[in-house]
Amino acid sequence: MPGVLTVEIRSLESLTAAECAQWNAWAAADPDLASPYFRVEFSQIAARISPDCALAVFHRGGAVVGYFPHQKRGGTILPIAAPMNDYHGVIGPRAVRPSLAETARLLDGPRFSVNGWVGEATGASISESFRTTIPDEGGYDAWYAARRQASSKYFKDKERARRSMAAEFGPVEVQIGLRDHALLDDLIERKRDQYRRTGRHDVFACGWTRELLHALMAHEQADFGASLAVLRAGGNIAAMEYALHAGQRFHFWFPVYVPALARCSPGIMLSMETIRLGSELGYRDFDYGFGGEAYKRYFCDRVQPVAEAVILKPGLSAVLGGAGASVLSLAGGRGLTDSVRRRWNVIEACETSRAGRLKGAALAARAALSKAASRATAAS
């Protein structure tokens, strides 16, 4: 499509019904944009909750060619609801929507930061996201037979673990599709405890992230929403997971399990049962997001590339974003590692004030130094 690429900045609330329909039609037409994060409903809900949100509407030759919902944190432009979105990018026809570089240039912020960009992203670091697809013919049984044949030892071990859990703790029961807000609060508190134990930034400490999960789960719509899955053994919770879903895509999002039951693999059991029960409800594409957890390799048969990048406005020093990043860099020991950068990206996206970002960076630096000291002690 000929014409100069331009951008118009608007609010999400200004979208018309026709524009919302166009947005979702573009997402539905491109398999790469099938994730619930690309639905207009996700961005509209997030815009009511996450501070400083806006919508970039891209035009070429007088026609709209893409939408990019985003938020600002200090001098940084981030995808909307970051870090609470595994995928982001411009929603528009693949042939004409802006690339990562074009988007950053037109938005013209001091820093533009993404970690799950879907779309053209020349020069960015590439990660992998993992999905598995349930065949229409044979359904879950055919899928599980194929997985079990490919990794028989792994799945036989999980079958034994389930029998062991039932024998030791009582009957194993699984429910999916729950919209229980008290249960969600329970999951969030368990997740926060996990963050404290592992030294990761508590993404729920800022408040708006918790509110977002509740709002998504409260949204009533047949083909878009969020829900909980719960595995109980002997009537007691062993594992839970919060998921986002749209159309036939089911996205696993926030899992927790009882650490004392780790030997029984309750989280993996819940994942398997969610796929089985979810496929009966019509879900066909189960998305584990990006990340290198080993268990995903046993479940997934599809890999989608996603891009990670921090783009600086020309002329700016190549730093992550102020004093908070510098604190983390010092704790990293050998400069600006990928791990340090990713930690800072999460802190920066969550915290809406400079003081909050500095506090988060200091806590993360303390955790990093503590881990380094522990490793040094173990090695001596």
Protein backbone atom coordinates (compact mmCIF):
# COMPACT_ATOMS: atom_id res chain seq x y z
CA MET A 1 0.00 0.00 0.00
CA PRO A 2 1.59 3.31 -1.08
CA GLY A 3 1.66 6.37 1.10
CA VAL A 4 3.54 7.83 4.04
CA LEU A 5 3.15 6.01 7.36
CA THR A 6 1.78 8.29 10.09
CA VAL A 7 0.48 7.81 13.63
CA GLU A 8 -2.43 9.26 15.57
CA ILE A 9 -2.49 8.94 19.37
CA ARG A 10 -5.93 8.36 20.87
CA SER A 11 -7.55 6.86 23.94
CA LEU A 12 -8.85 3.30 23.95
CA GLU A 13 -12.22 4.68 25.02
CA SER A 14 -12.50 6.59 21.73
CA LEU A 15 -12.71 3.43 19.61
CA THR A 16 -15.96 3.08 17.70
CA ALA A 17 -17.86 -0.19 17.36
CA ALA A 18 -16.70 -0.40 13.73
CA GLU A 19 -13.06 0.08 14.75
CA CYS A 20 -13.35 -2.60 17.46
CA ALA A 21 -14.79 -4.98 14.87
CA GLN A 22 -11.97 -4.15 12.45
CA TRP A 23 -9.37 -4.72 15.18
CA ASN A 24 -10.71 -8.17 16.06
CA ALA A 25 -11.22 -9.12 12.41
CA TRP A 26 -7.56 -8.38 11.70
CA ALA A 27 -6.50 -10.44 14.72
CA ALA A 28 -8.75 -13.35 13.67
CA ALA A 29 -7.37 -13.34 10.12
CA ASP A 30 -3.73 -13.80 11.21
CA PRO A 31 -2.77 -16.99 13.11
CA ASP A 32 0.15 -15.09 14.67
CA LEU A 33 -2.35 -12.73 16.34
CA ALA A 34 -4.68 -15.43 17.70
CA SER A 35 -3.61 -14.90 21.31
CA PRO A 36 -6.21 -13.34 23.67
CA TYR A 37 -3.70 -10.53 24.31
CA PHE A 38 -4.38 -9.24 20.80
CA ARG A 39 -8.12 -8.93 21.30
CA VAL A 40 -9.52 -5.42 21.63
CA GLU A 41 -11.31 -6.50 24.81
CA PHE A 42 -8.00 -7.16 26.59
CA SER A 43 -6.70 -3.68 25.75
CA GLN A 44 -9.95 -1.93 26.65
CA ILE A 45 -10.08 -3.62 30.05
CA ALA A 46 -6.39 -2.92 30.67
CA ALA A 47 -6.80 0.75 29.70
CA ARG A 48 -9.34 1.23 32.49
CA ILE A 49 -6.87 -0.10 35.07
CA SER A 50 -3.23 0.31 34.04
CA PRO A 51 -2.08 3.94 34.37
CA ASP A 52 -1.02 6.11 31.43
CA CYS A 53 -2.40 4.01 28.58
CA ALA A 54 -2.93 5.23 25.01
CA LEU A 55 -3.61 3.88 21.55
CA ALA A 56 -1.44 4.42 18.47
CA VAL A 57 -3.51 4.28 15.28
CA PHE A 58 -1.28 3.94 12.21
CA HIS A 59 -2.33 5.33 8.82
CA ARG A 60 -0.86 4.78 5.40
CA GLY A 61 -2.25 6.53 2.35
CA GLY A 62 -5.19 7.76 4.40
CA ALA A 63 -6.24 4.26 5.53
CA VAL A 64 -5.83 2.70 8.97
CA VAL A 65 -3.23 -0.09 8.81
CA GLY A 66 -2.76 -0.97 12.48
CA TYR A 67 -3.45 -0.43 16.15
CA PHE A 68 -0.86 -0.52 18.92
CA PRO A 69 -2.11 -0.14 22.52
CA HIS A 70 0.64 1.00 24.88
CA GLN A 71 1.46 2.60 28.20
CA LYS A 72 4.13 4.97 29.50
CA ARG A 73 6.35 4.56 32.54
CA GLY A 74 8.57 7.59 32.97
CA GLY A 75 10.36 8.01 29.66
CA THR A 76 9.67 4.47 28.47
CA ILE A 77 6.92 3.33 26.10
CA LEU A 78 5.76 -0.22 26.78
CA PRO A 79 3.00 -2.48 25.45
CA ILE A 80 -0.29 -2.01 27.26
CA ALA A 81 -0.56 -3.84 30.61
CA ALA A 82 3.15 -4.80 30.62
CA PRO A 83 4.42 -6.94 32.26
CA MET A 84 1.00 -8.64 32.26
CA ASN A 85 1.02 -9.58 28.59
CA ASP A 86 2.99 -12.40 27.04
CA TYR A 87 2.45 -11.16 23.48
CA HIS A 88 2.19 -7.74 21.88
CA GLY A 89 2.61 -6.01 18.55
CA VAL A 90 0.69 -3.98 16.01
CA ILE A 91 -2.73 -5.41 15.19
CA GLY A 92 -3.26 -5.00 11.46
CA PRO A 93 -2.84 -6.74 8.09
CA ARG A 94 0.57 -8.39 7.99
CA ALA A 95 1.56 -6.89 4.63
CA VAL A 96 1.07 -3.25 5.66
CA ARG A 97 1.27 -2.96 9.46
CA PRO A 98 4.34 -1.17 10.87
CA SER A 99 7.44 -3.07 11.91
CA LEU A 100 9.02 -2.86 15.36
CA ALA A 101 11.49 -0.21 14.18
CA GLU A 102 8.78 1.87 12.49
CA THR A 103 6.56 1.70 15.56
CA ALA A 104 9.36 2.86 17.84
CA ARG A 105 10.30 5.68 15.47
CA LEU A 106 6.78 7.04 15.12
CA LEU A 107 5.98 6.84 18.83
CA ASP A 108 9.18 8.86 19.37
CA GLY A 109 9.77 8.09 23.05
CA PRO A 110 13.18 8.12 24.76
CA ARG A 111 12.94 4.33 25.15
CA PHE A 112 10.70 1.70 23.56
CA SER A 113 10.77 -1.68 25.29
CA VAL A 114 9.13 -4.99 24.27
CA ASN A 115 9.74 -8.60 25.27
CA GLY A 116 7.08 -10.59 23.40
CA TRP A 117 6.76 -8.73 20.10
CA VAL A 118 4.96 -10.56 17.30
CA GLY A 119 5.70 -9.19 13.86
CA GLU A 120 8.64 -7.96 11.82
CA ALA A 121 11.51 -7.13 14.19
CA THR A 122 14.82 -6.99 12.32
CA GLY A 123 17.79 -6.90 14.68
CA ALA A 124 15.88 -7.86 17.84
CA SER A 125 16.69 -10.81 20.09
CA ILE A 126 14.40 -13.74 19.34
CA SER A 127 12.86 -16.04 21.95
CA GLU A 128 10.45 -18.96 21.55
CA SER A 129 6.91 -19.41 22.79
CA PHE A 130 5.40 -22.87 23.07
CA ARG A 131 1.99 -24.18 22.05
CA THR A 132 0.26 -27.49 21.50
CA THR A 133 -2.70 -28.21 19.25
CA ILE A 134 -5.45 -30.74 19.82
CA PRO A 135 -6.48 -32.50 16.58
CA ASP A 136 -10.13 -32.31 15.57
CA GLU A 137 -10.04 -36.01 14.78
CA GLY A 138 -9.42 -38.04 17.91
CA GLY A 139 -9.31 -35.02 20.24
CA TYR A 140 -7.42 -35.23 23.51
CA ASP A 141 -6.99 -39.02 23.38
CA ALA A 142 -5.19 -38.81 20.04
CA TRP A 143 -3.08 -35.90 21.28
CA TYR A 144 -2.09 -37.67 24.48
CA ALA A 145 -1.29 -40.92 22.66
CA ALA A 146 1.10 -39.01 20.38
CA ARG A 147 2.74 -37.16 23.30
CA ARG A 148 3.08 -40.38 25.28
CA GLN A 149 4.65 -42.17 22.35
CA ALA A 150 7.14 -39.34 21.85
CA SER A 151 8.09 -39.18 25.58
CA SER A 152 6.89 -42.42 27.12
CA LYS A 153 9.13 -42.34 30.21
CA TYR A 154 8.08 -38.79 31.11
CA PHE A 155 4.34 -39.38 30.86
CA LYS A 156 4.47 -42.79 32.55
CA ASP A 157 6.21 -41.05 35.45
CA LYS A 158 3.39 -38.48 35.65
CA GLU A 159 0.77 -41.23 35.61
CA ARG A 160 2.55 -42.90 38.53
CA ALA A 161 2.74 -39.55 40.35
CA ARG A 162 -1.01 -39.12 40.05
CA ARG A 163 -1.68 -42.59 41.45
CA SER A 164 0.74 -41.87 44.29
CA MET A 165 -0.97 -38.55 45.08
CA ALA A 166 -4.40 -40.18 45.17
CA ALA A 167 -3.16 -43.02 47.39
CA GLU A 168 -1.42 -40.67 49.85
CA PHE A 169 -3.73 -37.65 49.96
CA GLY A 170 -7.10 -38.79 48.63
CA PRO A 171 -9.08 -38.54 45.39
CA VAL A 172 -7.71 -36.17 42.75
CA GLU A 173 -10.31 -33.78 41.34
CA VAL A 174 -9.94 -31.02 38.75
CA GLN A 175 -12.23 -28.12 37.89
CA ILE A 176 -11.71 -25.57 35.12
CA GLY A 177 -13.60 -22.47 34.04
CA LEU A 178 -14.01 -21.15 37.60
CA ARG A 179 -14.69 -17.45 38.16
CA ASP A 180 -14.27 -17.30 41.90
CA HIS A 181 -12.70 -14.02 43.03
CA ALA A 182 -11.87 -15.29 46.53
CA LEU A 183 -10.02 -18.19 44.92
CA LEU A 184 -8.17 -15.75 42.68
CA ASP A 185 -7.06 -13.78 45.73
CA ASP A 186 -5.78 -17.05 47.19
CA LEU A 187 -3.81 -17.76 44.01
CA ILE A 188 -2.32 -14.24 44.00
CA GLU A 189 -1.16 -14.56 47.61
CA ARG A 190 0.43 -17.94 46.86
CA LYS A 191 2.13 -16.41 43.83
CA ARG A 192 3.42 -13.50 45.92
CA ASP A 193 4.86 -15.98 48.40
CA GLN A 194 6.61 -17.72 45.51
CA TYR A 195 8.11 -14.41 44.38
CA ARG A 196 9.42 -13.78 47.91
CA ARG A 197 10.94 -17.25 48.13
CA THR A 198 12.64 -17.01 44.76
CA GLY A 199 13.73 -13.38 45.01
CA ARG A 200 11.72 -12.28 41.96
CA HIS A 201 9.93 -8.94 41.76
CA ASP A 202 6.42 -9.11 43.20
CA VAL A 203 4.32 -8.04 40.22
CA PHE A 204 1.23 -7.80 42.43
CA ALA A 205 2.66 -5.37 44.98
CA CYS A 206 1.74 -2.37 42.81
CA GLY A 207 -2.00 -3.07 43.01
CA TRP A 208 -3.18 -2.44 39.47
CA THR A 209 -1.97 -5.85 38.28
CA ARG A 210 -4.19 -7.64 40.82
CA GLU A 211 -7.11 -5.46 39.75
CA LEU A 212 -6.49 -6.36 36.10
CA LEU A 213 -6.78 -10.11 36.74
CA HIS A 214 -10.04 -9.60 38.62
CA ALA A 215 -11.44 -7.36 35.87
CA LEU A 216 -10.56 -9.84 33.11
CA MET A 217 -12.22 -12.65 35.05
CA ALA A 218 -15.33 -10.55 35.68
CA HIS A 219 -15.73 -9.82 31.97
CA GLU A 220 -18.77 -11.69 30.63
CA GLN A 221 -18.34 -12.71 26.99
CA ALA A 222 -18.74 -16.05 25.24
CA ASP A 223 -15.51 -16.01 23.23
CA PHE A 224 -13.20 -13.99 25.48
CA GLY A 225 -12.38 -14.05 29.18
CA ALA A 226 -10.29 -15.43 32.02
CA SER A 227 -10.85 -18.21 34.51
CA LEU A 228 -9.23 -20.48 37.07
CA ALA A 229 -8.42 -24.17 37.05
CA VAL A 230 -7.96 -26.00 40.36
CA LEU A 231 -6.60 -29.43 41.25
CA ARG A 232 -7.52 -30.83 44.66
CA ALA A 233 -6.27 -33.96 46.37
CA GLY A 234 -8.44 -35.25 49.16
CA GLY A 235 -10.41 -32.00 48.99
CA ASN A 236 -7.35 -29.76 49.52
CA ILE A 237 -5.87 -27.46 46.90
CA ALA A 238 -2.71 -28.88 45.34
CA ALA A 239 -2.37 -26.59 42.32
CA MET A 240 -4.15 -23.68 40.63
CA GLU A 241 -3.73 -21.74 37.41
CA TYR A 242 -5.19 -18.53 36.04
CA ALA A 243 -5.72 -18.56 32.29
CA LEU A 244 -6.82 -16.20 29.53
CA HIS A 245 -8.83 -17.50 26.57
CA ALA A 246 -10.32 -16.30 23.30
CA GLY A 247 -11.83 -18.27 20.45
CA GLN A 248 -10.06 -21.63 20.37
CA ARG A 249 -6.87 -20.35 22.06
CA PHE A 250 -6.32 -21.13 25.76
CA HIS A 251 -3.35 -19.33 27.34
CA PHE A 252 -1.85 -20.72 30.55
CA TRP A 253 -0.81 -17.68 32.59
CA PHE A 254 -0.29 -17.75 36.38
CA PRO A 255 0.33 -21.25 37.83
CA VAL A 256 0.91 -22.09 41.49
CA TYR A 257 1.26 -25.36 43.35
CA VAL A 258 1.79 -26.46 46.93
CA PRO A 259 5.60 -26.81 47.33
CA ALA A 260 5.25 -29.74 49.75
CA LEU A 261 3.60 -31.74 46.94
CA ALA A 262 6.26 -31.01 44.32
CA ARG A 263 7.27 -34.68 44.13
CA CYS A 264 3.77 -35.45 42.78
CA SER A 265 3.98 -32.83 40.01
CA PRO A 266 0.56 -31.29 40.76
CA GLY A 267 1.10 -28.37 38.38
CA ILE A 268 1.81 -30.70 35.45
CA MET A 269 -1.20 -32.83 36.37
CA LEU A 270 -3.39 -29.74 36.38
CA SER A 271 -2.01 -28.70 32.98
CA MET A 272 -2.80 -32.12 31.48
CA GLU A 273 -6.31 -32.16 32.91
CA THR A 274 -6.93 -28.59 31.76
CA ILE A 275 -6.05 -29.61 28.22
CA ARG A 276 -8.35 -32.64 28.44
CA LEU A 277 -11.32 -30.75 29.87
CA GLY A 278 -10.66 -27.64 27.80
CA SER A 279 -10.61 -29.61 24.57
CA GLU A 280 -14.08 -30.92 25.45
CA LEU A 281 -15.23 -27.28 25.60
CA GLY A 282 -13.87 -26.56 22.12
CA TYR A 283 -10.39 -25.17 22.84
CA ARG A 284 -7.85 -26.47 20.35
CA ASP A 285 -4.72 -24.36 20.80
CA PHE A 286 -3.10 -24.39 24.26
CA ASP A 287 -0.41 -21.77 24.76
CA TYR A 288 2.34 -22.02 27.40
CA GLY A 289 3.90 -18.66 26.56
CA PHE A 290 7.60 -18.07 26.15
CA GLY A 291 10.31 -19.31 28.46
CA GLY A 292 12.64 -22.23 28.64
CA GLU A 293 11.00 -24.42 31.29
CA ALA A 294 11.94 -27.99 30.37
CA TYR A 295 8.48 -29.50 30.83
CA LYS A 296 7.07 -27.44 27.95
CA ARG A 297 9.14 -29.47 25.50
CA TYR A 298 7.19 -32.60 26.42
CA PHE A 299 3.80 -30.99 25.85
CA CYS A 300 4.28 -28.68 22.92
CA ASP A 301 4.48 -29.33 19.20
CA ARG A 302 4.55 -25.74 17.93
CA VAL A 303 7.03 -22.94 18.46
CA GLN A 304 6.38 -19.28 17.65
CA PRO A 305 9.20 -16.73 17.56
CA VAL A 306 8.77 -13.56 19.61
CA ALA A 307 11.11 -10.59 19.72
CA GLU A 308 12.70 -8.79 22.64
CA ALA A 309 14.21 -5.34 22.25
CA VAL A 310 14.95 -2.01 23.91
CA ILE A 311 15.10 0.74 21.29
CA LEU A 312 16.59 4.07 22.33
CA LYS A 313 15.89 7.40 20.71
CA PRO A 314 18.95 8.44 18.67
CA GLY A 315 21.47 10.37 20.72
CA LEU A 316 20.60 8.80 24.08
CA SER A 317 23.11 6.85 26.13
CA ALA A 318 22.61 3.08 26.00
CA VAL A 319 21.30 2.58 29.49
CA LEU A 320 18.25 0.73 30.68
CA GLY A 321 16.42 3.59 32.25
CA GLY A 322 17.89 5.56 35.06
CA ALA A 323 19.10 4.94 38.57
CA GLY A 324 17.03 1.79 39.12
CA ALA A 325 18.70 0.01 36.24
CA SER A 326 22.10 1.15 37.48
CA VAL A 327 21.42 -0.38 40.90
CA LEU A 328 20.54 -3.68 39.28
CA SER A 329 23.57 -3.54 37.00
CA LEU A 330 25.91 -3.19 39.97
CA ALA A 331 24.27 -6.18 41.60
CA GLY A 332 24.65 -8.15 38.39
CA GLY A 333 28.39 -8.13 38.89
CA ARG A 334 29.42 -8.10 35.23
CA GLY A 335 27.51 -5.27 33.69
CA LEU A 336 24.15 -5.22 31.98
CA THR A 337 23.24 -8.89 31.53
CA ASP A 338 20.03 -10.09 29.88
CA SER A 339 18.80 -11.25 33.28
CA VAL A 340 19.33 -7.80 34.80
CA ARG A 341 17.61 -6.13 31.85
CA ARG A 342 14.58 -8.40 32.09
CA ARG A 343 14.28 -7.85 35.83
CA TRP A 344 14.37 -4.11 35.27
CA ASN A 345 11.76 -4.34 32.50
CA VAL A 346 9.33 -6.03 34.91
CA ILE A 347 9.99 -3.52 37.70
CA GLU A 348 9.68 -0.55 35.35
CA ALA A 349 6.40 -1.79 33.86
CA CYS A 350 4.78 -2.58 37.22
CA GLU A 351 5.76 0.45 39.22
CA THR A 352 4.12 3.74 38.25
CA SER A 353 6.34 6.08 40.27
CA ARG A 354 10.10 6.72 40.26
CA ALA A 355 10.22 5.90 43.97
CA GLY A 356 8.49 2.58 43.35
CA ARG A 357 10.91 1.71 40.58
CA LEU A 358 13.92 2.55 42.75
CA LYS A 359 12.55 0.48 45.62
CA GLY A 360 11.91 -2.47 43.32
CA ALA A 361 15.41 -2.23 41.88
CA ALA A 362 16.96 -2.10 45.35
CA LEU A 363 15.04 -5.19 46.49
CA ALA A 364 15.99 -7.05 43.32
CA ALA A 365 19.65 -6.06 43.76
CA ARG A 366 19.59 -7.30 47.35
CA ALA A 367 18.15 -10.64 46.22
CA ALA A 368 20.78 -10.94 43.46
CA LEU A 369 23.62 -10.22 45.89
CA SER A 370 22.22 -12.75 48.37
CA LYS A 371 22.11 -15.43 45.67
CA ALA A 372 25.65 -14.60 44.58
CA ALA A 373 26.87 -14.88 48.18
CA SER A 374 25.15 -18.24 48.59
CA ARG A 375 26.76 -19.58 45.41
CA ALA A 376 30.18 -18.34 46.54
CA THR A 377 29.73 -20.05 49.94
CA ALA A 378 28.67 -23.31 48.29
CA ALA A 379 31.67 -23.21 45.97
CA SER A 380 34.22 -22.56 48.72
